[in-house]
Amino acid sequence: MENSLKYNSSGYRDKVAERAIRAADHTPHEISQLIEIIKKISSAYG
């Protein structure tokens, strides 16, 4: 998967697309925090 993000279908390196895909694939910090809070609450109530 790592190399497939670097090259387009023609085989040329596409840095702009690689950065865009990585940015879109990243979970926002606020969502990560919310998930952690929900997990802590869930574990407290079994």
PDB file of N, CA and C in Angstrom:
ATOM      1  N   MET A   1       0.830  -1.201   0.000  1.00  0.00           N
ATOM      2  CA  MET A   1       0.000   0.000   0.000  1.00  0.00           C
ATOM      3  C   MET A   1       0.864   1.249   0.000  1.00  0.00           C
ATOM      4  N   GLU A   2       1.974   1.204   0.686  1.00  0.00           N
ATOM      5  CA  GLU A   2       2.855   2.377   0.798  1.00  0.00           C
ATOM      6  C   GLU A   2       3.273   2.898  -0.574  1.00  0.00           C
ATOM      7  N   ASN A   3       3.737   2.023  -1.449  1.00  0.00           N
ATOM      8  CA  ASN A   3       4.188   2.458  -2.770  1.00  0.00           C
ATOM      9  C   ASN A   3       3.034   2.824  -3.696  1.00  0.00           C
ATOM     10  N   SER A   4       1.867   2.232  -3.477  1.00  0.00           N
ATOM     11  CA  SER A   4       0.740   2.522  -4.362  1.00  0.00           C
ATOM     12  C   SER A   4       0.265   3.965  -4.209  1.00  0.00           C
ATOM     13  N   LEU A   5       0.524   4.600  -3.069  1.00  0.00           N
ATOM     14  CA  LEU A   5       0.138   5.996  -2.877  1.00  0.00           C
ATOM     15  C   LEU A   5       1.096   6.950  -3.579  1.00  0.00           C
ATOM     16  N   LYS A   6       2.300   6.511  -3.826  1.00  0.00           N
ATOM     17  CA  LYS A   6       3.317   7.386  -4.409  1.00  0.00           C
ATOM     18  C   LYS A   6       3.192   7.536  -5.916  1.00  0.00           C
ATOM     19  N   TYR A   7       2.605   6.549  -6.583  1.00  0.00           N
ATOM     20  CA  TYR A   7       2.601   6.544  -8.044  1.00  0.00           C
ATOM     21  C   TYR A   7       1.175   6.495  -8.582  1.00  0.00           C
ATOM     22  N   ASN A   8       0.947   7.216  -9.670  1.00  0.00           N
ATOM     23  CA  ASN A   8      -0.370   7.190 -10.300  1.00  0.00           C
ATOM     24  C   ASN A   8      -0.486   5.987 -11.222  1.00  0.00           C
ATOM     25  N   SER A   9      -1.605   5.873 -11.916  1.00  0.00           N
ATOM     26  CA  SER A   9      -1.836   4.694 -12.760  1.00  0.00           C
ATOM     27  C   SER A   9      -0.882   4.616 -13.952  1.00  0.00           C
ATOM     28  N   SER A  10      -0.270   5.737 -14.331  1.00  0.00           N
ATOM     29  CA  SER A  10       0.696   5.746 -15.427  1.00  0.00           C
ATOM     30  C   SER A  10       2.097   5.375 -14.963  1.00  0.00           C
ATOM     31  N   GLY A  11       2.285   5.250 -13.657  1.00  0.00           N
ATOM     32  CA  GLY A  11       3.584   4.883 -13.114  1.00  0.00           C
ATOM     33  C   GLY A  11       4.452   6.058 -12.713  1.00  0.00           C
ATOM     34  N   TYR A  12       3.924   7.264 -12.843  1.00  0.00           N
ATOM     35  CA  TYR A  12       4.686   8.462 -12.460  1.00  0.00           C
ATOM     36  C   TYR A  12       4.390   8.843 -11.013  1.00  0.00           C
ATOM     37  N   ARG A  13       5.361   9.425 -10.360  1.00  0.00           N
ATOM     38  CA  ARG A  13       5.211   9.841  -8.973  1.00  0.00           C
ATOM     39  C   ARG A  13       4.256  11.023  -8.897  1.00  0.00           C
ATOM     40  N   ASP A  14       3.294  10.951  -7.969  1.00  0.00           N
ATOM     41  CA  ASP A  14       2.284  11.996  -7.812  1.00  0.00           C
ATOM     42  C   ASP A  14       2.271  12.429  -6.345  1.00  0.00           C
ATOM     43  N   LYS A  15       3.118  13.405  -6.001  1.00  0.00           N
ATOM     44  CA  LYS A  15       3.273  13.851  -4.618  1.00  0.00           C
ATOM     45  C   LYS A  15       2.017  14.531  -4.079  1.00  0.00           C
ATOM     46  N   VAL A  16       1.321  15.280  -4.929  1.00  0.00           N
ATOM     47  CA  VAL A  16       0.121  15.994  -4.488  1.00  0.00           C
ATOM     48  C   VAL A  16      -0.971  15.001  -4.090  1.00  0.00           C
ATOM     49  N   ALA A  17      -1.198  14.011  -4.901  1.00  0.00           N
ATOM     50  CA  ALA A  17      -2.213  13.005  -4.596  1.00  0.00           C
ATOM     51  C   ALA A  17      -1.832  12.213  -3.348  1.00  0.00           C
ATOM     52  N   GLU A  18      -0.564  11.898  -3.202  1.00  0.00           N
ATOM     53  CA  GLU A  18      -0.102  11.150  -2.029  1.00  0.00           C
ATOM     54  C   GLU A  18      -0.386  11.925  -0.750  1.00  0.00           C
ATOM     55  N   ARG A  19      -0.059  13.227  -0.742  1.00  0.00           N
ATOM     56  CA  ARG A  19      -0.323  14.053   0.447  1.00  0.00           C
ATOM     57  C   ARG A  19      -1.813  14.167   0.729  1.00  0.00           C
ATOM     58  N   ALA A  20      -2.622  14.315  -0.317  1.00  0.00           N
ATOM     59  CA  ALA A  20      -4.068  14.454  -0.147  1.00  0.00           C
ATOM     60  C   ALA A  20      -4.689  13.179   0.427  1.00  0.00           C
ATOM     61  N   ILE A  21      -4.243  12.046  -0.072  1.00  0.00           N
ATOM     62  CA  ILE A  21      -4.775  10.771   0.423  1.00  0.00           C
ATOM     63  C   ILE A  21      -4.379  10.566   1.876  1.00  0.00           C
ATOM     64  N   ARG A  22      -3.134  10.861   2.209  1.00  0.00           N
ATOM     65  CA  ARG A  22      -2.693  10.700   3.599  1.00  0.00           C
ATOM     66  C   ARG A  22      -3.452  11.642   4.541  1.00  0.00           C
ATOM     67  N   ALA A  23      -3.698  12.866   4.113  1.00  0.00           N
ATOM     68  CA  ALA A  23      -4.426  13.828   4.949  1.00  0.00           C
ATOM     69  C   ALA A  23      -5.877  13.398   5.138  1.00  0.00           C
ATOM     70  N   ALA A  24      -6.498  12.881   4.080  1.00  0.00           N
ATOM     71  CA  ALA A  24      -7.892  12.448   4.167  1.00  0.00           C
ATOM     72  C   ALA A  24      -8.025  11.181   5.000  1.00  0.00           C
ATOM     73  N   ASP A  25      -7.002  10.364   5.032  1.00  0.00           N
ATOM     74  CA  ASP A  25      -7.030   9.103   5.755  1.00  0.00           C
ATOM     75  C   ASP A  25      -6.776   9.286   7.252  1.00  0.00           C
ATOM     76  N   HIS A  26      -6.319  10.450   7.660  1.00  0.00           N
ATOM     77  CA  HIS A  26      -5.965  10.720   9.046  1.00  0.00           C
ATOM     78  C   HIS A  26      -7.208  11.073   9.863  1.00  0.00           C
ATOM     79  N   THR A  27      -7.375  10.437  11.026  1.00  0.00           N
ATOM     80  CA  THR A  27      -8.503  10.733  11.915  1.00  0.00           C
ATOM     81  C   THR A  27      -8.235  12.042  12.645  1.00  0.00           C
ATOM     82  N   PRO A  28      -9.178  12.984  12.617  1.00  0.00           N
ATOM     83  CA  PRO A  28      -8.995  14.252  13.326  1.00  0.00           C
ATOM     84  C   PRO A  28      -8.795  14.033  14.823  1.00  0.00           C
ATOM     85  N   HIS A  29      -8.018  14.896  15.438  1.00  0.00           N
ATOM     86  CA  HIS A  29      -7.668  14.773  16.856  1.00  0.00           C
ATOM     87  C   HIS A  29      -8.910  14.766  17.745  1.00  0.00           C
ATOM     88  N   GLU A  30      -9.890  15.605  17.434  1.00  0.00           N
ATOM     89  CA  GLU A  30     -11.104  15.685  18.250  1.00  0.00           C
ATOM     90  C   GLU A  30     -11.863  14.364  18.246  1.00  0.00           C
ATOM     91  N   ILE A  31     -11.895  13.702  17.106  1.00  0.00           N
ATOM     92  CA  ILE A  31     -12.587  12.414  17.007  1.00  0.00           C
ATOM     93  C   ILE A  31     -11.848  11.358  17.818  1.00  0.00           C
ATOM     94  N   SER A  32     -10.527  11.373  17.745  1.00  0.00           N
ATOM     95  CA  SER A  32      -9.728  10.417  18.525  1.00  0.00           C
ATOM     96  C   SER A  32      -9.970  10.600  20.014  1.00  0.00           C
ATOM     97  N   GLN A  33     -10.025  11.850  20.461  1.00  0.00           N
ATOM     98  CA  GLN A  33     -10.294  12.131  21.871  1.00  0.00           C
ATOM     99  C   GLN A  33     -11.680  11.630  22.276  1.00  0.00           C
ATOM    100  N   LEU A  34     -12.672  11.873  21.445  1.00  0.00           N
ATOM    101  CA  LEU A  34     -14.035  11.437  21.730  1.00  0.00           C
ATOM    102  C   LEU A  34     -14.109   9.919  21.846  1.00  0.00           C
ATOM    103  N   ILE A  35     -13.445   9.219  20.962  1.00  0.00           N
ATOM    104  CA  ILE A  35     -13.435   7.752  21.004  1.00  0.00           C
ATOM    105  C   ILE A  35     -12.809   7.258  22.303  1.00  0.00           C
ATOM    106  N   GLU A  36     -11.715   7.883  22.719  1.00  0.00           N
ATOM    107  CA  GLU A  36     -11.067   7.491  23.977  1.00  0.00           C
ATOM    108  C   GLU A  36     -11.996   7.722  25.167  1.00  0.00           C
ATOM    109  N   ILE A  37     -12.722   8.824  25.182  1.00  0.00           N
ATOM    110  CA  ILE A  37     -13.651   9.121  26.277  1.00  0.00           C
ATOM    111  C   ILE A  37     -14.770   8.088  26.293  1.00  0.00           C
ATOM    112  N   ILE A  38     -15.314   7.759  25.140  1.00  0.00           N
ATOM    113  CA  ILE A  38     -16.388   6.757  25.067  1.00  0.00           C
ATOM    114  C   ILE A  38     -15.887   5.401  25.554  1.00  0.00           C
ATOM    115  N   LYS A  39     -14.669   5.023  25.192  1.00  0.00           N
ATOM    116  CA  LYS A  39     -14.092   3.760  25.648  1.00  0.00           C
ATOM    117  C   LYS A  39     -13.934   3.739  27.161  1.00  0.00           C
ATOM    118  N   LYS A  40     -13.485   4.852  27.760  1.00  0.00           N
ATOM    119  CA  LYS A  40     -13.314   4.919  29.214  1.00  0.00           C
ATOM    120  C   LYS A  40     -14.654   4.821  29.931  1.00  0.00           C
ATOM    121  N   ILE A  41     -15.657   5.522  29.407  1.00  0.00           N
ATOM    122  CA  ILE A  41     -16.990   5.461  30.014  1.00  0.00           C
ATOM    123  C   ILE A  41     -17.557   4.048  29.903  1.00  0.00           C
ATOM    124  N   SER A  42     -17.393   3.434  28.743  1.00  0.00           N
ATOM    125  CA  SER A  42     -17.905   2.073  28.534  1.00  0.00           C
ATOM    126  C   SER A  42     -17.234   1.075  29.460  1.00  0.00           C
ATOM    127  N   SER A  43     -15.932   1.204  29.632  1.00  0.00           N
ATOM    128  CA  SER A  43     -15.247   0.254  30.508  1.00  0.00           C
ATOM    129  C   SER A  43     -15.625   0.472  31.970  1.00  0.00           C
ATOM    130  N   ALA A  44     -15.960   1.698  32.352  1.00  0.00           N
ATOM    131  CA  ALA A  44     -16.377   1.970  33.734  1.00  0.00           C
ATOM    132  C   ALA A  44     -17.721   1.341  34.048  1.00  0.00           C
ATOM    133  N   TYR A  45     -18.581   1.231  33.039  1.00  0.00           N
ATOM    134  CA  TYR A  45     -19.914   0.649  33.240  1.00  0.00           C
ATOM    135  C   TYR A  45     -20.017  -0.791  32.780  1.00  0.00           C
ATOM    136  N   GLY A  46     -18.884  -1.362  32.392  1.00  0.00           N
ATOM    137  CA  GLY A  46     -18.842  -2.779  32.022  1.00  0.00           C
ATOM    138  C   GLY A  46     -19.433  -3.021  30.685  1.00  0.00           C
TER     139      GLY A  46
END
